[in-house]
Amino acid sequence: MQTNHLWITGPEAWAAYANNHPELGYQGGRQQFYNFLRYHRDQLVALDAIRRVKGKFWIAHQQRFSEAAFDLATGKLP
């Protein structure tokens, strides 16, 4: 079985993103991840940056999530 290390849990991707972009003022906690999703979930799904697994939890593509989240947070994407 081949593992795909490009996909990690949503909160893990969020923590890495917040850590890599301290200039945005986000914290890496699970609740901030879900708060961010409240406003940007549809765009992140459309960009294939996040996916819902069995209707239970979110996984995120490490590279696409970080790029899309930065663009959304800074207003580059609507």
Protein backbone atom coordinates (compact mmCIF):
# COMPACT_ATOMS: atom_id res chain seq x y z
CA MET A 1 0.00 0.00 0.00
CA GLN A 2 1.35 3.38 -0.98
CA THR A 3 0.94 6.26 1.45
CA ASN A 4 0.37 9.79 0.27
CA HIS A 5 2.25 12.18 2.52
CA LEU A 6 0.93 15.25 0.75
CA TRP A 7 -2.35 15.00 2.68
CA ILE A 8 -2.44 15.59 6.43
CA THR A 9 -5.19 16.41 8.88
CA GLY A 10 -6.71 19.87 8.59
CA PRO A 11 -5.60 21.01 12.04
CA GLU A 12 -2.03 19.85 11.31
CA ALA A 13 -1.99 21.82 8.07
CA TRP A 14 -3.43 24.85 9.87
CA ALA A 15 -0.79 24.68 12.63
CA ALA A 16 2.00 24.56 10.04
CA TYR A 17 0.43 27.43 8.10
CA ALA A 18 0.04 29.61 11.21
CA ASN A 19 3.62 28.82 12.24
CA ASN A 20 4.98 29.67 8.77
CA HIS A 21 3.08 32.96 8.58
CA PRO A 22 3.32 34.69 11.97
CA GLU A 23 2.82 38.04 10.20
CA LEU A 24 -0.87 37.16 9.80
CA GLY A 25 -1.43 36.85 13.54
CA TYR A 26 -3.13 33.43 13.49
CA GLN A 27 -2.60 30.82 16.15
CA GLY A 28 -2.26 27.16 15.31
CA GLY A 29 -5.14 25.84 17.38
CA ARG A 30 -7.92 23.57 16.19
CA GLN A 31 -10.61 26.17 16.95
CA GLN A 32 -8.91 28.79 14.76
CA PHE A 33 -8.80 26.23 11.95
CA TYR A 34 -12.56 25.73 12.18
CA ASN A 35 -13.14 29.48 12.44
CA PHE A 36 -11.13 29.97 9.24
CA LEU A 37 -13.16 27.23 7.54
CA ARG A 38 -16.38 28.97 8.51
CA TYR A 39 -15.51 31.77 6.08
CA HIS A 40 -13.35 30.01 3.48
CA ARG A 41 -14.42 26.34 3.34
CA ASP A 42 -16.12 26.52 -0.07
CA GLN A 43 -13.15 28.21 -1.72
CA LEU A 44 -10.68 25.74 -0.17
CA VAL A 45 -12.77 22.78 -1.37
CA ALA A 46 -13.04 24.28 -4.88
CA LEU A 47 -9.25 24.65 -4.99
CA ASP A 48 -8.84 21.02 -3.79
CA ALA A 49 -6.88 22.29 -0.80
CA ILE A 50 -9.13 20.46 1.68
CA ARG A 51 -11.38 17.40 1.53
CA ARG A 52 -13.94 15.97 3.92
CA VAL A 53 -13.23 12.36 4.93
CA LYS A 54 -16.32 10.21 5.41
CA GLY A 55 -18.25 13.27 6.57
CA LYS A 56 -16.25 13.34 9.79
CA PHE A 57 -13.04 15.34 9.54
CA TRP A 58 -10.97 17.45 7.17
CA ILE A 59 -7.71 16.60 5.48
CA ALA A 60 -5.59 19.18 3.70
CA HIS A 61 -3.05 19.07 0.90
CA GLN A 62 0.08 20.52 2.48
CA GLN A 63 1.15 22.76 -0.39
CA ARG A 64 -2.23 23.77 -1.83
CA PHE A 65 -3.72 24.50 1.60
CA SER A 66 -0.94 26.85 2.59
CA GLU A 67 -1.02 28.72 -0.72
CA ALA A 68 -4.81 28.99 -0.84
CA ALA A 69 -5.14 29.97 2.82
CA PHE A 70 -2.56 32.73 2.38
CA ASP A 71 -4.33 34.06 -0.72
CA LEU A 72 -7.70 33.99 1.07
CA ALA A 73 -6.35 35.61 4.24
CA THR A 74 -4.67 38.41 2.32
CA GLY A 75 -7.57 39.11 -0.01
CA LYS A 76 -5.99 37.87 -3.23
CA LEU A 77 -8.88 35.42 -3.62
CA PRO A 78 -12.45 36.48 -2.84
